[in-house]
C-alpha atoms as a PDB file:
ATOM      1  CA  MET A   1      87.438 150.403 178.974  1.00  0.00           C
ATOM      2  CA  GLY A   2      86.460 149.798 175.340  1.00  0.00           C
ATOM      3  CA  LYS A   3      86.368 146.327 173.788  1.00  0.00           C
ATOM      4  CA  GLY A   4      89.148 147.354 171.403  1.00  0.00           C
ATOM      5  CA  LYS A   5      91.539 148.155 174.216  1.00  0.00           C
ATOM      6  CA  ILE A   6      90.684 144.978 176.082  1.00  0.00           C
ATOM      7  CA  SER A   7      91.404 142.852 173.020  1.00  0.00           C
ATOM      8  CA  LYS A   8      94.709 144.656 172.454  1.00  0.00           C
ATOM      9  CA  PHE A   9      95.771 144.083 176.063  1.00  0.00           C
ATOM     10  CA  LYS A  10      94.950 140.369 175.781  1.00  0.00           C
ATOM     11  CA  GLU A  11      96.848 140.106 172.503  1.00  0.00           C
ATOM     12  CA  MET A  12      99.894 141.832 173.986  1.00  0.00           C
ATOM     13  CA  GLU A  13     100.056 139.254 176.748  1.00  0.00           C
ATOM     14  CA  MET A  14     101.102 136.813 174.044  1.00  0.00           C
ATOM     15  CA  PHE A  15     103.698 139.083 172.447  1.00  0.00           C
ATOM     16  CA  PRO A  16     107.285 138.031 173.276  1.00  0.00           C
ATOM     17  CA  ASN A  17     108.419 141.622 172.621  1.00  0.00           C
ATOM     18  CA  VAL A  18     106.221 143.257 175.281  1.00  0.00           C
ATOM     19  CA  PHE A  19     106.737 143.343 179.054  1.00  0.00           C
ATOM     20  CA  GLN A  20     103.932 144.520 181.352  1.00  0.00           C
ATOM     21  CA  PRO A  21     105.123 143.960 184.929  1.00  0.00           C
ATOM     22  CA  PRO A  22     102.592 144.791 187.657  1.00  0.00           C
ATOM     23  CA  PHE A  23     103.208 147.679 190.032  1.00  0.00           C
ATOM     24  CA  GLN A  24     104.268 145.495 192.936  1.00  0.00           C
ATOM     25  CA  GLU A  25     106.913 143.800 190.796  1.00  0.00           C
ATOM     26  CA  VAL A  26     108.872 146.986 190.026  1.00  0.00           C
ATOM     27  CA  PHE A  27     108.056 149.513 192.749  1.00  0.00           C
ATOM     28  CA  GLY A  28     111.234 149.696 194.807  1.00  0.00           C
ATOM     29  CA  LYS A  29     112.395 146.395 193.301  1.00  0.00           C
ATOM     30  CA  ASP A  30     114.613 145.275 190.436  1.00  0.00           C
ATOM     31  CA  PHE A  31     112.938 143.796 187.365  1.00  0.00           C
ATOM     32  CA  ARG A  32     114.256 140.340 186.509  1.00  0.00           C
ATOM     33  CA  LEU A  33     116.039 141.546 183.343  1.00  0.00           C
ATOM     34  CA  LYS A  34     117.784 144.512 184.964  1.00  0.00           C
ATOM     35  CA  GLY A  35     121.402 144.487 183.815  1.00  0.00           C
ATOM     36  CA  LYS A  36     120.738 141.483 181.565  1.00  0.00           C
ATOM     37  CA  TRP A  37     118.716 142.786 178.616  1.00  0.00           C
ATOM     38  CA  GLY A  38     121.469 142.148 176.096  1.00  0.00           C
ATOM     39  CA  ARG A  39     122.364 138.687 177.348  1.00  0.00           C
ATOM     40  CA  ASP A  40     118.996 137.219 178.317  1.00  0.00           C
ATOM     41  CA  HIS A  41     116.496 139.012 176.053  1.00  0.00           C
ATOM     42  CA  PHE A  42     118.180 140.225 172.866  1.00  0.00           C
ATOM     43  CA  ARG A  43     120.876 137.555 173.206  1.00  0.00           C
ATOM     44  CA  ASN A  44     123.658 139.741 171.818  1.00  0.00           C
ATOM     45  CA  GLY A  45     126.091 142.395 172.954  1.00  0.00           C
ATOM     46  CA  HIS A  46     124.781 145.197 170.739  1.00  0.00           C
ATOM     47  CA  PRO A  47     124.269 148.756 172.091  1.00  0.00           C
ATOM     48  CA  ILE A  48     120.842 149.469 173.579  1.00  0.00           C
ATOM     49  CA  THR A  49     118.789 152.610 172.894  1.00  0.00           C
ATOM     50  CA  LEU A  50     115.707 153.642 174.898  1.00  0.00           C
ATOM     51  CA  GLU A  51     112.766 155.658 173.627  1.00  0.00           C
ATOM     52  CA  LEU A  52     110.925 157.149 176.582  1.00  0.00           C
ATOM     53  CA  GLY A  53     107.265 157.929 176.039  1.00  0.00           C
ATOM     54  CA  CYS A  54     107.313 155.920 172.816  1.00  0.00           C
ATOM     55  CA  GLY A  55     103.577 156.172 172.084  1.00  0.00           C
ATOM     56  CA  LYS A  56     102.714 153.934 169.147  1.00  0.00           C
ATOM     57  CA  GLY A  57     106.357 152.960 168.764  1.00  0.00           C
ATOM     58  CA  GLU A  58     106.938 154.453 165.317  1.00  0.00           C
ATOM     59  CA  TYR A  59     110.380 155.695 166.293  1.00  0.00           C
ATOM     60  CA  SER A  60     111.511 152.567 168.108  1.00  0.00           C
ATOM     61  CA  VAL A  61     110.417 150.318 165.249  1.00  0.00           C
ATOM     62  CA  GLY A  62     111.806 152.678 162.614  1.00  0.00           C
ATOM     63  CA  LEU A  63     115.211 152.893 164.299  1.00  0.00           C
ATOM     64  CA  ALA A  64     115.329 149.130 164.799  1.00  0.00           C
ATOM     65  CA  ARG A  65     114.623 148.635 161.121  1.00  0.00           C
ATOM     66  CA  MET A  66     117.301 151.170 160.204  1.00  0.00           C
ATOM     67  CA  PHE A  67     119.976 149.893 162.616  1.00  0.00           C
ATOM     68  CA  PRO A  68     119.847 146.070 162.852  1.00  0.00           C
ATOM     69  CA  ALA A  69     123.130 146.018 164.811  1.00  0.00           C
ATOM     70  CA  ARG A  70     121.559 147.942 167.699  1.00  0.00           C
ATOM     71  CA  ASN A  71     118.804 147.039 170.170  1.00  0.00           C
ATOM     72  CA  PHE A  72     115.848 149.314 170.953  1.00  0.00           C
ATOM     73  CA  ILE A  73     113.409 149.440 173.858  1.00  0.00           C
ATOM     74  CA  GLY A  74     110.301 151.619 173.766  1.00  0.00           C
ATOM     75  CA  ILE A  75     108.690 152.601 177.068  1.00  0.00           C
ATOM     76  CA  ASP A  76     105.198 153.988 177.623  1.00  0.00           C
ATOM     77  CA  ILE A  77     102.383 153.594 180.129  1.00  0.00           C
ATOM     78  CA  LYS A  78      99.673 153.475 177.438  1.00  0.00           C
ATOM     79  CA  GLY A  79      99.293 149.836 176.460  1.00  0.00           C
ATOM     80  CA  ALA A  80      96.869 150.490 173.586  1.00  0.00           C
ATOM     81  CA  ARG A  81      99.531 152.659 171.953  1.00  0.00           C
ATOM     82  CA  ILE A  82     102.390 150.195 172.473  1.00  0.00           C
ATOM     83  CA  TRP A  83     100.289 147.494 170.813  1.00  0.00           C
ATOM     84  CA  THR A  84     100.679 149.225 167.441  1.00  0.00           C
ATOM     85  CA  GLY A  85     104.474 149.162 167.387  1.00  0.00           C
ATOM     86  CA  ALA A  86     104.763 145.761 169.029  1.00  0.00           C
ATOM     87  CA  ARG A  87     102.420 144.156 166.514  1.00  0.00           C
ATOM     88  CA  GLN A  88     104.211 145.794 163.601  1.00  0.00           C
ATOM     89  CA  ALA A  89     107.565 144.489 164.848  1.00  0.00           C
ATOM     90  CA  GLN A  90     106.039 141.025 165.167  1.00  0.00           C
ATOM     91  CA  GLU A  91     104.553 141.079 161.674  1.00  0.00           C
ATOM     92  CA  GLU A  92     107.823 142.326 160.127  1.00  0.00           C
ATOM     93  CA  ARG A  93     109.883 139.972 162.290  1.00  0.00           C
ATOM     94  CA  ILE A  94     112.089 142.760 163.614  1.00  0.00           C
ATOM     95  CA  PRO A  95     114.027 141.054 166.431  1.00  0.00           C
ATOM     96  CA  ASN A  96     115.932 144.032 167.849  1.00  0.00           C
ATOM     97  CA  VAL A  97     113.052 146.045 169.309  1.00  0.00           C
ATOM     98  CA  THR A  98     110.930 145.408 172.373  1.00  0.00           C
ATOM     99  CA  PHE A  99     108.521 147.367 174.556  1.00  0.00           C
ATOM    100  CA  ILE A 100     107.893 147.896 178.259  1.00  0.00           C
ATOM    101  CA  ARG A 101     104.596 149.132 179.626  1.00  0.00           C
ATOM    102  CA  THR A 102     105.456 151.071 182.767  1.00  0.00           C
ATOM    103  CA  ARG A 103     105.766 154.539 184.240  1.00  0.00           C
ATOM    104  CA  ILE A 104     109.013 156.326 183.460  1.00  0.00           C
ATOM    105  CA  GLU A 105     109.306 157.077 187.190  1.00  0.00           C
ATOM    106  CA  PHE A 106     110.063 153.347 187.648  1.00  0.00           C
ATOM    107  CA  ILE A 107     112.732 153.205 184.946  1.00  0.00           C
ATOM    108  CA  ASN A 108     115.638 152.585 187.319  1.00  0.00           C
ATOM    109  CA  SER A 109     114.035 149.295 188.307  1.00  0.00           C
ATOM    110  CA  PHE A 110     114.616 148.031 184.764  1.00  0.00           C
ATOM    111  CA  PHE A 111     118.173 148.959 183.828  1.00  0.00           C
ATOM    112  CA  GLY A 112     121.557 148.528 185.470  1.00  0.00           C
ATOM    113  CA  LYS A 113     124.689 150.663 185.483  1.00  0.00           C
ATOM    114  CA  ASP A 114     126.123 151.363 181.999  1.00  0.00           C
ATOM    115  CA  GLU A 115     123.457 149.188 180.363  1.00  0.00           C
ATOM    116  CA  ILE A 116     122.056 151.862 178.035  1.00  0.00           C
ATOM    117  CA  ASP A 117     123.954 153.736 175.307  1.00  0.00           C
ATOM    118  CA  GLU A 118     121.508 156.472 174.351  1.00  0.00           C
ATOM    119  CA  ILE A 119     118.015 157.822 174.952  1.00  0.00           C
ATOM    120  CA  TRP A 120     115.439 159.332 172.597  1.00  0.00           C
ATOM    121  CA  LEU A 121     112.695 161.658 173.829  1.00  0.00           C
ATOM    122  CA  THR A 122     110.280 162.094 170.933  1.00  0.00           C
ATOM    123  CA  PHE A 123     107.684 164.793 171.522  1.00  0.00           C
ATOM    124  CA  PRO A 124     107.260 164.371 175.289  1.00  0.00           C
ATOM    125  CA  ASP A 125     104.636 166.337 177.206  1.00  0.00           C
ATOM    126  CA  PRO A 126     106.222 169.814 177.689  1.00  0.00           C
ATOM    127  CA  GLN A 127     104.453 170.228 181.056  1.00  0.00           C
ATOM    128  CA  LEU A 128     103.710 173.951 180.620  1.00  0.00           C
ATOM    129  CA  LYS A 129     101.897 174.677 183.897  1.00  0.00           C
ATOM    130  CA  LYS A 130     105.163 175.955 185.363  1.00  0.00           C
ATOM    131  CA  ARG A 131     108.235 177.284 183.577  1.00  0.00           C
ATOM    132  CA  ARG A 132     110.390 174.851 185.522  1.00  0.00           C
ATOM    133  CA  ASN A 133     108.371 171.684 185.964  1.00  0.00           C
ATOM    134  CA  LYS A 134     109.917 168.631 187.634  1.00  0.00           C
ATOM    135  CA  LYS A 135     107.685 166.373 185.537  1.00  0.00           C
ATOM    136  CA  ARG A 136     109.475 167.309 182.317  1.00  0.00           C
ATOM    137  CA  LEU A 137     111.512 164.396 181.036  1.00  0.00           C
ATOM    138  CA  THR A 138     114.518 166.709 180.656  1.00  0.00           C
ATOM    139  CA  ALA A 139     114.273 168.147 184.184  1.00  0.00           C
ATOM    140  CA  PRO A 140     117.339 167.621 186.443  1.00  0.00           C
ATOM    141  CA  HIS A 141     115.487 164.943 188.445  1.00  0.00           C
ATOM    142  CA  PHE A 142     115.082 162.791 185.345  1.00  0.00           C
ATOM    143  CA  LEU A 143     118.481 163.577 183.810  1.00  0.00           C
ATOM    144  CA  ASN A 144     120.225 162.502 187.015  1.00  0.00           C
ATOM    145  CA  SER A 145     118.061 159.384 187.068  1.00  0.00           C
ATOM    146  CA  TYR A 146     119.120 158.499 183.516  1.00  0.00           C
ATOM    147  CA  ARG A 147     122.773 158.828 184.520  1.00  0.00           C
ATOM    148  CA  GLU A 148     122.379 155.801 186.794  1.00  0.00           C
ATOM    149  CA  PHE A 149     122.013 153.419 183.830  1.00  0.00           C
ATOM    150  CA  LEU A 150     123.330 155.435 180.861  1.00  0.00           C
ATOM    151  CA  LYS A 151     126.947 154.859 179.885  1.00  0.00           C
ATOM    152  CA  ASP A 152     129.391 157.672 180.612  1.00  0.00           C
ATOM    153  CA  ARG A 153     128.832 160.421 178.034  1.00  0.00           C
ATOM    154  CA  GLY A 154     125.843 158.542 176.645  1.00  0.00           C
ATOM    155  CA  LEU A 155     123.648 160.513 174.268  1.00  0.00           C
ATOM    156  CA  LEU A 156     120.249 162.065 174.835  1.00  0.00           C
ATOM    157  CA  HIS A 157     118.168 163.153 171.819  1.00  0.00           C
ATOM    158  CA  LEU A 158     115.183 165.476 172.171  1.00  0.00           C
ATOM    159  CA  LYS A 159     112.692 166.153 169.367  1.00  0.00           C
ATOM    160  CA  THR A 160     109.864 168.534 170.180  1.00  0.00           C
ATOM    161  CA  ASP A 161     107.510 170.995 168.553  1.00  0.00           C
ATOM    162  CA  ASN A 162     107.425 173.039 171.765  1.00  0.00           C
ATOM    163  CA  PRO A 163     109.837 176.009 171.966  1.00  0.00           C
ATOM    164  CA  VAL A 164     109.458 176.299 175.745  1.00  0.00           C
ATOM    165  CA  LEU A 165     110.684 172.743 176.334  1.00  0.00           C
ATOM    166  CA  TYR A 166     113.451 173.192 173.762  1.00  0.00           C
ATOM    167  CA  HIS A 167     114.841 176.396 175.296  1.00  0.00           C
ATOM    168  CA  TYR A 168     114.396 175.102 178.838  1.00  0.00           C
ATOM    169  CA  THR A 169     116.438 172.006 178.018  1.00  0.00           C
ATOM    170  CA  LEU A 170     119.059 173.993 176.105  1.00  0.00           C
ATOM    171  CA  GLU A 171     119.447 176.288 179.117  1.00  0.00           C
ATOM    172  CA  LEU A 172     119.980 173.271 181.385  1.00  0.00           C
ATOM    173  CA  VAL A 173     122.589 171.874 179.003  1.00  0.00           C
ATOM    174  CA  GLU A 174     124.506 175.149 178.877  1.00  0.00           C
ATOM    175  CA  MET A 175     124.202 175.865 182.618  1.00  0.00           C
ATOM    176  CA  ASN A 176     125.566 172.403 183.497  1.00  0.00           C
ATOM    177  CA  SER A 177     128.266 172.496 180.777  1.00  0.00           C
ATOM    178  CA  LEU A 178     126.960 169.292 179.209  1.00  0.00           C
ATOM    179  CA  PRO A 179     128.675 168.473 175.898  1.00  0.00           C
ATOM    180  CA  LEU A 180     126.292 169.701 173.203  1.00  0.00           C
ATOM    181  CA  ARG A 181     126.384 167.749 169.939  1.00  0.00           C
ATOM    182  CA  ALA A 182     123.591 169.520 168.041  1.00  0.00           C
ATOM    183  CA  ALA A 183     120.943 172.178 168.585  1.00  0.00           C
ATOM    184  CA  THR A 184     118.475 173.515 166.045  1.00  0.00           C
ATOM    185  CA  ALA A 185     115.125 175.269 166.370  1.00  0.00           C
ATOM    186  CA  ASP A 186     114.169 174.108 162.861  1.00  0.00           C
ATOM    187  CA  LEU A 187     115.350 170.555 162.265  1.00  0.00           C
ATOM    188  CA  TYR A 188     114.011 170.100 158.763  1.00  0.00           C
ATOM    189  CA  GLY A 189     115.016 173.597 157.759  1.00  0.00           C
ATOM    190  CA  SER A 190     118.607 173.039 158.871  1.00  0.00           C
ATOM    191  CA  GLU A 191     121.438 171.630 156.803  1.00  0.00           C
ATOM    192  CA  LYS A 192     122.372 168.939 159.316  1.00  0.00           C
ATOM    193  CA  PRO A 193     121.659 165.485 157.891  1.00  0.00           C
ATOM    194  CA  ALA A 194     121.480 162.650 160.400  1.00  0.00           C
ATOM    195  CA  ALA A 195     120.265 159.085 160.476  1.00  0.00           C
ATOM    196  CA  GLY A 196     116.888 158.716 162.121  1.00  0.00           C
ATOM    197  CA  PHE A 197     115.546 162.173 161.273  1.00  0.00           C
ATOM    198  CA  GLY A 198     113.506 160.773 158.419  1.00  0.00           C
ATOM    199  CA  ILE A 199     111.407 158.755 160.869  1.00  0.00           C
ATOM    200  CA  GLN A 200     108.346 160.761 161.834  1.00  0.00           C
ATOM    201  CA  THR A 201     105.706 159.948 164.413  1.00  0.00           C
ATOM    202  CA  TYR A 202     101.988 160.376 163.829  1.00  0.00           C
ATOM    203  CA  TYR A 203     101.944 163.621 165.812  1.00  0.00           C
ATOM    204  CA  GLU A 204     105.149 164.909 164.230  1.00  0.00           C
ATOM    205  CA  LYS A 205     103.587 164.654 160.780  1.00  0.00           C
ATOM    206  CA  GLN A 206     100.641 166.688 162.021  1.00  0.00           C
ATOM    207  CA  PHE A 207     102.941 169.379 163.420  1.00  0.00           C
ATOM    208  CA  ILE A 208     104.825 169.601 160.122  1.00  0.00           C
ATOM    209  CA  GLU A 209     101.582 169.835 158.131  1.00  0.00           C
ATOM    210  CA  LYS A 210     100.600 172.794 160.321  1.00  0.00           C
ATOM    211  CA  GLY A 211     103.896 174.486 159.493  1.00  0.00           C
ATOM    212  CA  LEU A 212     105.327 174.132 162.996  1.00  0.00           C
ATOM    213  CA  PRO A 213     109.140 173.886 163.157  1.00  0.00           C
ATOM    214  CA  ILE A 214     110.595 170.806 164.837  1.00  0.00           C
ATOM    215  CA  HIS A 215     113.249 171.509 167.471  1.00  0.00           C
ATOM    216  CA  TYR A 216     116.105 169.103 168.113  1.00  0.00           C
ATOM    217  CA  LEU A 217     118.807 168.751 170.759  1.00  0.00           C
ATOM    218  CA  GLU A 218     121.532 166.143 171.087  1.00  0.00           C
ATOM    219  CA  PHE A 219     123.842 166.193 174.097  1.00  0.00           C
ATOM    220  CA  GLU A 220     125.972 163.948 176.291  1.00  0.00           C
ATOM    221  CA  LEU A 221     125.375 163.006 179.932  1.00  0.00           C
ATOM    222  CA  PRO A 222     128.764 162.589 181.665  1.00  0.00           C
ATOM    223  CA  ALA A 223     128.746 160.254 184.661  1.00  0.00           C
ATOM    224  CA  ASP A 224     130.714 162.626 186.888  1.00  0.00           C
ATOM    225  CA  ILE A 225     128.315 165.598 186.702  1.00  0.00           C
ATOM    226  CA  THR A 226     125.299 166.073 188.975  1.00  0.00           C
ATOM    227  CA  ILE A 227     122.847 168.101 186.956  1.00  0.00           C
ATOM    228  CA  GLY A 228     121.283 171.084 188.676  1.00  0.00           C
ATOM    229  CA  GLU A 229     118.567 173.621 187.943  1.00  0.00           C
ATOM    230  CA  PRO A 230     119.567 177.183 186.957  1.00  0.00           C
ATOM    231  CA  GLU A 231     119.407 179.717 189.775  1.00  0.00           C
ATOM    232  CA  PRO A 232     116.176 181.742 190.147  1.00  0.00           C
ATOM    233  CA  GLU A 233     117.849 184.887 188.806  1.00  0.00           C
ATOM    234  CA  ALA A 234     118.382 183.049 185.519  1.00  0.00           C
ATOM    235  CA  GLU A 235     114.617 183.013 184.971  1.00  0.00           C
ATOM    236  CA  LYS A 236     113.549 184.995 181.926  1.00  0.00           C
END
């Protein structure tokens, strides 16, 4: 591990807006703030938004700056990336954003029933080895997992440059009759204005410079629906 990463990890240990629980503290166990993020950490009753796979935290910090009456939590396993957003939030004294360094597979150890209002997935790994890959963050396994802590009909936002992930997720939404709020294969070429679209991650800016269209989906996750995979004959 490089000296730069080591120094960042040590610095983050002092950040009040970063949580780095060890494996044994969250594997099969509840994190101490589960169900109590609003009361014990943010100390308010504002809605909470998660960004899964937040990277450097540009989106989490940008949304927190834009919506001071909401709370934001960025989650990623790469500590050196999280350091960037966490330090920026500290320097700008943005109180309504925090970060968790953990695997998304452990997410249910952190949040209780109805604790989260919406989720952002900003340019997640499309996992292209298989057309239907359980590791995709919009696969049924993950969507059903999110339902355990997302409020009934809570929102899920997906931004991606990858058409395979976009169409795969759109197919899941339609097959499971999930309420679709928005769907566009060219976000910045569409006429739909929306708060938060002006925030662009480091990689998103690169995609746009290359002329790649940005795909966007926004849909609800009802609590009473178990999300399933399309039947094999639906494969294209």
